[in-house]
Every structure is written in C-alpha cells, then in structure tokens.
Amino acid sequence: MQIELLFFGSLTDVTTVSRLIVENMTDTELVKAYLEERYPALRAAKYFMAVNQQMIQQVHTLQPGDVVAFMPPFSGG
C-alpha cells in the first residue's frame, strides 16, 4: 500500500524533500513516527497534517493512494 507524503514551506528544509512515497503505513500516527525517526528535527517542528486535502487533528486511517500533506503553521489576512 503506497502513501504519498508532501512537505511544504520550512518542512522541506527539515526533510530535504518535497515529496516522498512510503509503503505499509496504515494510519497517520505510523507515518508521523516513521518521519520523526528518519528526520529527528521534525520532532521539534510545528506542523499541520492533511489527508487528501482535508485537515486532520487526530489519528486518521489511511487507504492505498492517500496523500498526506505536512504544512507549517500559516496565517492569512
């Protein structure tokens, strides 16, 4: 099961990539743990997560082909 991960803004500095494909991730908590292990600086970063362009605030079950986006805090006006 492939999941696409997208990184925006300052998070691309932390991960050094803007896009990543991962396998066998069944929920967003597993994705987060995997990324924090691979990129330890991500533990200190503040970010929002979205699955298929929908912001999430709790663990979300993933399906094959889902896209998980990681975005730094933002403000608008």
PDB file of N, CA and C in Angstrom:
ATOM      1  N   MET A   1       0.847  -1.175   0.000  1.00  0.00           N
ATOM      2  CA  MET A   1       0.000   0.000   0.000  1.00  0.00           C
ATOM      3  C   MET A   1       0.891   1.236   0.000  1.00  0.00           C
ATOM      4  N   GLN A   2       0.799   2.026  -1.040  1.00  0.00           N
ATOM      5  CA  GLN A   2       1.612   3.242  -1.146  1.00  0.00           C
ATOM      6  C   GLN A   2       0.828   4.463  -0.685  1.00  0.00           C
ATOM      7  N   ILE A   3       1.530   5.315   0.049  1.00  0.00           N
ATOM      8  CA  ILE A   3       1.000   6.597   0.508  1.00  0.00           C
ATOM      9  C   ILE A   3       1.978   7.671   0.052  1.00  0.00           C
ATOM     10  N   GLU A   4       1.455   8.753  -0.483  1.00  0.00           N
ATOM     11  CA  GLU A   4       2.292   9.875  -0.905  1.00  0.00           C
ATOM     12  C   GLU A   4       2.337  10.909   0.212  1.00  0.00           C
ATOM     13  N   LEU A   5       3.521  11.357   0.547  1.00  0.00           N
ATOM     14  CA  LEU A   5       3.705  12.389   1.555  1.00  0.00           C
ATOM     15  C   LEU A   5       4.208  13.650   0.865  1.00  0.00           C
ATOM     16  N   LEU A   6       3.607  14.785   1.193  1.00  0.00           N
ATOM     17  CA  LEU A   6       4.008  16.071   0.633  1.00  0.00           C
ATOM     18  C   LEU A   6       4.436  16.985   1.773  1.00  0.00           C
ATOM     19  N   PHE A   7       5.511  17.738   1.557  1.00  0.00           N
ATOM     20  CA  PHE A   7       6.035  18.652   2.568  1.00  0.00           C
ATOM     21  C   PHE A   7       6.054  20.063   1.985  1.00  0.00           C
ATOM     22  N   PHE A   8       5.650  21.026   2.803  1.00  0.00           N
ATOM     23  CA  PHE A   8       5.574  22.401   2.342  1.00  0.00           C
ATOM     24  C   PHE A   8       6.375  23.328   3.247  1.00  0.00           C
ATOM     25  N   GLY A   9       6.753  24.471   2.676  1.00  0.00           N
ATOM     26  CA  GLY A   9       7.429  25.520   3.442  1.00  0.00           C
ATOM     27  C   GLY A   9       8.704  25.053   4.115  1.00  0.00           C
ATOM     28  N   SER A  10       8.867  25.461   5.360  1.00  0.00           N
ATOM     29  CA  SER A  10      10.090  25.154   6.106  1.00  0.00           C
ATOM     30  C   SER A  10      10.280  23.661   6.362  1.00  0.00           C
ATOM     31  N   LEU A  11       9.225  22.878   6.217  1.00  0.00           N
ATOM     32  CA  LEU A  11       9.361  21.426   6.430  1.00  0.00           C
ATOM     33  C   LEU A  11      10.203  20.774   5.343  1.00  0.00           C
ATOM     34  N   THR A  12      10.281  21.409   4.178  1.00  0.00           N
ATOM     35  CA  THR A  12      11.161  20.866   3.139  1.00  0.00           C
ATOM     36  C   THR A  12      12.629  21.048   3.531  1.00  0.00           C
ATOM     37  N   ASP A  13      12.922  22.051   4.360  1.00  0.00           N
ATOM     38  CA  ASP A  13      14.287  22.214   4.865  1.00  0.00           C
ATOM     39  C   ASP A  13      14.630  21.083   5.836  1.00  0.00           C
ATOM     40  N   VAL A  14      13.659  20.669   6.631  1.00  0.00           N
ATOM     41  CA  VAL A  14      13.871  19.601   7.612  1.00  0.00           C
ATOM     42  C   VAL A  14      14.035  18.257   6.910  1.00  0.00           C
ATOM     43  N   THR A  15      13.166  17.973   5.945  1.00  0.00           N
ATOM     44  CA  THR A  15      13.179  16.660   5.287  1.00  0.00           C
ATOM     45  C   THR A  15      14.097  16.610   4.070  1.00  0.00           C
ATOM     46  N   THR A  16      14.463  17.747   3.538  1.00  0.00           N
ATOM     47  CA  THR A  16      15.271  17.903   2.314  1.00  0.00           C
ATOM     48  C   THR A  16      14.559  17.393   1.059  1.00  0.00           C
ATOM     49  N   VAL A  17      13.272  17.085   1.171  1.00  0.00           N
ATOM     50  CA  VAL A  17      12.470  16.665   0.014  1.00  0.00           C
ATOM     51  C   VAL A  17      11.110  17.337   0.096  1.00  0.00           C
ATOM     52  N   SER A  18      10.426  17.431  -1.030  1.00  0.00           N
ATOM     53  CA  SER A  18       9.063  17.969  -1.014  1.00  0.00           C
ATOM     54  C   SER A  18       8.028  16.859  -1.203  1.00  0.00           C
ATOM     55  N   ARG A  19       8.506  15.673  -1.592  1.00  0.00           N
ATOM     56  CA  ARG A  19       7.588  14.555  -1.862  1.00  0.00           C
ATOM     57  C   ARG A  19       8.293  13.258  -1.501  1.00  0.00           C
ATOM     58  N   LEU A  20       7.528  12.333  -0.945  1.00  0.00           N
ATOM     59  CA  LEU A  20       8.078  11.042  -0.541  1.00  0.00           C
ATOM     60  C   LEU A  20       6.974   9.999  -0.676  1.00  0.00           C
ATOM     61  N   ILE A  21       7.309   8.823  -1.145  1.00  0.00           N
ATOM     62  CA  ILE A  21       6.364   7.701  -1.215  1.00  0.00           C
ATOM     63  C   ILE A  21       6.767   6.702  -0.142  1.00  0.00           C
ATOM     64  N   VAL A  22       5.797   6.282   0.678  1.00  0.00           N
ATOM     65  CA  VAL A  22       6.065   5.288   1.716  1.00  0.00           C
ATOM     66  C   VAL A  22       5.135   4.102   1.528  1.00  0.00           C
ATOM     67  N   GLU A  23       5.544   2.984   2.068  1.00  0.00           N
ATOM     68  CA  GLU A  23       4.782   1.737   1.954  1.00  0.00           C
ATOM     69  C   GLU A  23       4.305   1.289   3.327  1.00  0.00           C
ATOM     70  N   ASN A  24       3.193   0.589   3.332  1.00  0.00           N
ATOM     71  CA  ASN A  24       2.701  -0.114   4.524  1.00  0.00           C
ATOM     72  C   ASN A  24       2.460   0.785   5.728  1.00  0.00           C
ATOM     73  N   MET A  25       1.950   1.965   5.504  1.00  0.00           N
ATOM     74  CA  MET A  25       1.566   2.863   6.592  1.00  0.00           C
ATOM     75  C   MET A  25       0.041   2.845   6.676  1.00  0.00           C
ATOM     76  N   THR A  26      -0.487   2.351   7.781  1.00  0.00           N
ATOM     77  CA  THR A  26      -1.930   2.177   7.901  1.00  0.00           C
ATOM     78  C   THR A  26      -2.649   3.360   8.525  1.00  0.00           C
ATOM     79  N   ASP A  27      -1.900   4.235   9.226  1.00  0.00           N
ATOM     80  CA  ASP A  27      -2.532   5.421   9.801  1.00  0.00           C
ATOM     81  C   ASP A  27      -1.504   6.546   9.948  1.00  0.00           C
ATOM     82  N   THR A  28      -2.012   7.725  10.244  1.00  0.00           N
ATOM     83  CA  THR A  28      -1.146   8.900  10.302  1.00  0.00           C
ATOM     84  C   THR A  28      -0.176   8.851  11.486  1.00  0.00           C
ATOM     85  N   GLU A  29      -0.514   8.128  12.534  1.00  0.00           N
ATOM     86  CA  GLU A  29       0.404   8.007  13.669  1.00  0.00           C
ATOM     87  C   GLU A  29       1.653   7.226  13.269  1.00  0.00           C
ATOM     88  N   LEU A  30       1.492   6.178  12.466  1.00  0.00           N
ATOM     89  CA  LEU A  30       2.643   5.422  11.958  1.00  0.00           C
ATOM     90  C   LEU A  30       3.502   6.284  11.032  1.00  0.00           C
ATOM     91  N   VAL A  31       2.861   7.081  10.199  1.00  0.00           N
ATOM     92  CA  VAL A  31       3.586   7.976   9.295  1.00  0.00           C
ATOM     93  C   VAL A  31       4.416   8.965  10.109  1.00  0.00           C
ATOM     94  N   LYS A  32       3.788   9.565  11.101  1.00  0.00           N
ATOM     95  CA  LYS A  32       4.472  10.542  11.939  1.00  0.00           C
ATOM     96  C   LYS A  32       5.670   9.909  12.656  1.00  0.00           C
ATOM     97  N   ALA A  33       5.493   8.731  13.230  1.00  0.00           N
ATOM     98  CA  ALA A  33       6.587   8.039  13.928  1.00  0.00           C
ATOM     99  C   ALA A  33       7.724   7.703  12.963  1.00  0.00           C
ATOM    100  N   TYR A  34       7.384   7.248  11.773  1.00  0.00           N
ATOM    101  CA  TYR A  34       8.387   6.926  10.756  1.00  0.00           C
ATOM    102  C   TYR A  34       9.196   8.172  10.381  1.00  0.00           C
ATOM    103  N   LEU A  35       8.487   9.272  10.139  1.00  0.00           N
ATOM    104  CA  LEU A  35       9.171  10.501   9.735  1.00  0.00           C
ATOM    105  C   LEU A  35      10.042  11.066  10.850  1.00  0.00           C
ATOM    106  N   GLU A  36       9.567  11.017  12.078  1.00  0.00           N
ATOM    107  CA  GLU A  36      10.357  11.544  13.190  1.00  0.00           C
ATOM    108  C   GLU A  36      11.592  10.688  13.457  1.00  0.00           C
ATOM    109  N   GLU A  37      11.526   9.412  13.139  1.00  0.00           N
ATOM    110  CA  GLU A  37      12.704   8.548  13.252  1.00  0.00           C
ATOM    111  C   GLU A  37      13.703   8.877  12.137  1.00  0.00           C
ATOM    112  N   ARG A  38      13.187   9.069  10.934  1.00  0.00           N
ATOM    113  CA  ARG A  38      14.043   9.350   9.770  1.00  0.00           C
ATOM    114  C   ARG A  38      14.601  10.777   9.790  1.00  0.00           C
ATOM    115  N   TYR A  39      13.792  11.721  10.262  1.00  0.00           N
ATOM    116  CA  TYR A  39      14.177  13.135  10.316  1.00  0.00           C
ATOM    117  C   TYR A  39      13.972  13.634  11.749  1.00  0.00           C
ATOM    118  N   PRO A  40      14.921  13.403  12.652  1.00  0.00           N
ATOM    119  CA  PRO A  40      14.747  13.762  14.067  1.00  0.00           C
ATOM    120  C   PRO A  40      14.385  15.228  14.307  1.00  0.00           C
ATOM    121  N   ALA A  41      14.823  16.138  13.457  1.00  0.00           N
ATOM    122  CA  ALA A  41      14.497  17.558  13.635  1.00  0.00           C
ATOM    123  C   ALA A  41      13.000  17.813  13.491  1.00  0.00           C
ATOM    124  N   LEU A  42      12.294  16.897  12.884  1.00  0.00           N
ATOM    125  CA  LEU A  42      10.852  17.048  12.709  1.00  0.00           C
ATOM    126  C   LEU A  42      10.117  16.990  14.050  1.00  0.00           C
ATOM    127  N   ARG A  43      10.718  16.341  15.040  1.00  0.00           N
ATOM    128  CA  ARG A  43      10.101  16.253  16.376  1.00  0.00           C
ATOM    129  C   ARG A  43       9.873  17.633  16.979  1.00  0.00           C
ATOM    130  N   ALA A  44      10.761  18.566  16.700  1.00  0.00           N
ATOM    131  CA  ALA A  44      10.660  19.918  17.272  1.00  0.00           C
ATOM    132  C   ALA A  44       9.857  20.864  16.381  1.00  0.00           C
ATOM    133  N   ALA A  45       9.545  20.444  15.186  1.00  0.00           N
ATOM    134  CA  ALA A  45       8.828  21.308  14.243  1.00  0.00           C
ATOM    135  C   ALA A  45       7.325  21.321  14.549  1.00  0.00           C
ATOM    136  N   LYS A  46       6.722  22.458  14.302  1.00  0.00           N
ATOM    137  CA  LYS A  46       5.267  22.567  14.407  1.00  0.00           C
ATOM    138  C   LYS A  46       4.702  22.447  13.002  1.00  0.00           C
ATOM    139  N   TYR A  47       3.657  21.643  12.877  1.00  0.00           N
ATOM    140  CA  TYR A  47       3.054  21.470  11.561  1.00  0.00           C
ATOM    141  C   TYR A  47       1.620  20.957  11.681  1.00  0.00           C
ATOM    142  N   PHE A  48       0.887  21.142  10.601  1.00  0.00           N
ATOM    143  CA  PHE A  48      -0.454  20.613  10.447  1.00  0.00           C
ATOM    144  C   PHE A  48      -0.386  19.457   9.458  1.00  0.00           C
ATOM    145  N   MET A  49      -1.332  18.534   9.589  1.00  0.00           N
ATOM    146  CA  MET A  49      -1.419  17.429   8.640  1.00  0.00           C
ATOM    147  C   MET A  49      -2.772  17.469   7.945  1.00  0.00           C
ATOM    148  N   ALA A  50      -2.745  17.078   6.675  1.00  0.00           N
ATOM    149  CA  ALA A  50      -3.984  16.946   5.913  1.00  0.00           C
ATOM    150  C   ALA A  50      -3.930  15.621   5.159  1.00  0.00           C
ATOM    151  N   VAL A  51      -5.065  14.959   5.069  1.00  0.00           N
ATOM    152  CA  VAL A  51      -5.179  13.730   4.285  1.00  0.00           C
ATOM    153  C   VAL A  51      -6.149  14.008   3.154  1.00  0.00           C
ATOM    154  N   ASN A  52      -5.660  13.845   1.936  1.00  0.00           N
ATOM    155  CA  ASN A  52      -6.479  14.106   0.747  1.00  0.00           C
ATOM    156  C   ASN A  52      -7.137  15.492   0.818  1.00  0.00           C
ATOM    157  N   GLN A  53      -6.337  16.478   1.180  1.00  0.00           N
ATOM    158  CA  GLN A  53      -6.715  17.893   1.227  1.00  0.00           C
ATOM    159  C   GLN A  53      -7.708  18.233   2.332  1.00  0.00           C
ATOM    160  N   GLN A  54      -7.856  17.353   3.324  1.00  0.00           N
ATOM    161  CA  GLN A  54      -8.722  17.613   4.471  1.00  0.00           C
ATOM    162  C   GLN A  54      -7.853  17.664   5.722  1.00  0.00           C
ATOM    163  N   MET A  55      -7.882  18.801   6.416  1.00  0.00           N
ATOM    164  CA  MET A  55      -7.103  18.940   7.643  1.00  0.00           C
ATOM    165  C   MET A  55      -7.574  17.905   8.666  1.00  0.00           C
ATOM    166  N   ILE A  56      -6.607  17.324   9.386  1.00  0.00           N
ATOM    167  CA  ILE A  56      -6.953  16.367  10.438  1.00  0.00           C
ATOM    168  C   ILE A  56      -6.326  16.830  11.744  1.00  0.00           C
ATOM    169  N   GLN A  57      -6.927  16.416  12.848  1.00  0.00           N
ATOM    170  CA  GLN A  57      -6.389  16.757  14.155  1.00  0.00           C
ATOM    171  C   GLN A  57      -6.252  15.535  15.038  1.00  0.00           C
ATOM    172  N   GLN A  58      -6.573  14.375  14.509  1.00  0.00           N
ATOM    173  CA  GLN A  58      -6.427  13.134  15.265  1.00  0.00           C
ATOM    174  C   GLN A  58      -5.938  12.049  14.324  1.00  0.00           C
ATOM    175  N   VAL A  59      -5.662  10.887  14.868  1.00  0.00           N
ATOM    176  CA  VAL A  59      -5.165   9.779  14.054  1.00  0.00           C
ATOM    177  C   VAL A  59      -6.202   9.444  12.987  1.00  0.00           C
ATOM    178  N   HIS A  60      -5.715   9.273  11.768  1.00  0.00           N
ATOM    179  CA  HIS A  60      -6.584   9.008  10.623  1.00  0.00           C
ATOM    180  C   HIS A  60      -6.123   7.724   9.945  1.00  0.00           C
ATOM    181  N   THR A  61      -7.042   6.814   9.698  1.00  0.00           N
ATOM    182  CA  THR A  61      -6.729   5.577   8.977  1.00  0.00           C
ATOM    183  C   THR A  61      -6.487   5.904   7.511  1.00  0.00           C
ATOM    184  N   LEU A  62      -5.441   5.298   6.956  1.00  0.00           N
ATOM    185  CA  LEU A  62      -5.060   5.577   5.570  1.00  0.00           C
ATOM    186  C   LEU A  62      -5.468   4.443   4.639  1.00  0.00           C
ATOM    187  N   GLN A  63      -5.743   4.816   3.406  1.00  0.00           N
ATOM    188  CA  GLN A  63      -6.095   3.878   2.347  1.00  0.00           C
ATOM    189  C   GLN A  63      -5.036   3.962   1.246  1.00  0.00           C
ATOM    190  N   PRO A  64      -4.877   2.895   0.448  1.00  0.00           N
ATOM    191  CA  PRO A  64      -3.916   2.964  -0.661  1.00  0.00           C
ATOM    192  C   PRO A  64      -4.180   4.183  -1.538  1.00  0.00           C
ATOM    193  N   GLY A  65      -3.112   4.889  -1.869  1.00  0.00           N
ATOM    194  CA  GLY A  65      -3.211   6.052  -2.736  1.00  0.00           C
ATOM    195  C   GLY A  65      -3.498   7.357  -2.025  1.00  0.00           C
ATOM    196  N   ASP A  66      -3.697   7.320  -0.712  1.00  0.00           N
ATOM    197  CA  ASP A  66      -3.932   8.567   0.015  1.00  0.00           C
ATOM    198  C   ASP A  66      -2.718   9.484  -0.080  1.00  0.00           C
ATOM    199  N   VAL A  67      -2.974  10.778   0.045  1.00  0.00           N
ATOM    200  CA  VAL A  67      -1.925  11.793   0.050  1.00  0.00           C
ATOM    201  C   VAL A  67      -1.975  12.495   1.403  1.00  0.00           C
ATOM    202  N   VAL A  68      -0.845  12.465   2.099  1.00  0.00           N
ATOM    203  CA  VAL A  68      -0.741  13.125   3.395  1.00  0.00           C
ATOM    204  C   VAL A  68       0.184  14.327   3.233  1.00  0.00           C
ATOM    205  N   ALA A  69      -0.329  15.496   3.564  1.00  0.00           N
ATOM    206  CA  ALA A  69       0.449  16.736   3.434  1.00  0.00           C
ATOM    207  C   ALA A  69       0.842  17.236   4.816  1.00  0.00           C
ATOM    208  N   PHE A  70       2.073  17.727   4.913  1.00  0.00           N
ATOM    209  CA  PHE A  70       2.610  18.306   6.132  1.00  0.00           C
ATOM    210  C   PHE A  70       2.889  19.779   5.867  1.00  0.00           C
ATOM    211  N   MET A  71       2.217  20.643   6.638  1.00  0.00           N
ATOM    212  CA  MET A  71       2.313  22.074   6.377  1.00  0.00           C
ATOM    213  C   MET A  71       2.703  22.811   7.659  1.00  0.00           C
ATOM    214  N   PRO A  72       3.608  23.759   7.563  1.00  0.00           N
ATOM    215  CA  PRO A  72       3.955  24.558   8.740  1.00  0.00           C
ATOM    216  C   PRO A  72       2.785  25.477   9.084  1.00  0.00           C
ATOM    217  N   PRO A  73       2.763  26.005  10.313  1.00  0.00           N
ATOM    218  CA  PRO A  73       1.714  26.959  10.664  1.00  0.00           C
ATOM    219  C   PRO A  73       1.689  28.129   9.673  1.00  0.00           C
ATOM    220  N   PHE A  74       0.523  28.612   9.397  1.00  0.00           N
ATOM    221  CA  PHE A  74       0.372  29.711   8.446  1.00  0.00           C
ATOM    222  C   PHE A  74      -0.684  30.676   8.955  1.00  0.00           C
ATOM    223  N   SER A  75      -0.629  31.860   8.442  1.00  0.00           N
ATOM    224  CA  SER A  75      -1.650  32.859   8.792  1.00  0.00           C
ATOM    225  C   SER A  75      -2.065  33.564   7.513  1.00  0.00           C
ATOM    226  N   GLY A  76      -3.226  34.099   7.535  1.00  0.00           N
ATOM    227  CA  GLY A  76      -3.723  34.783   6.348  1.00  0.00           C
ATOM    228  C   GLY A  76      -4.324  36.117   6.719  1.00  0.00           C
ATOM    229  N   GLY A  77      -4.663  36.835   5.732  1.00  0.00           N
ATOM    230  CA  GLY A  77      -5.254  38.135   6.053  1.00  0.00           C
ATOM    231  C   GLY A  77      -5.771  38.810   4.834  1.00  0.00           C
TER     232      GLY A  77
END
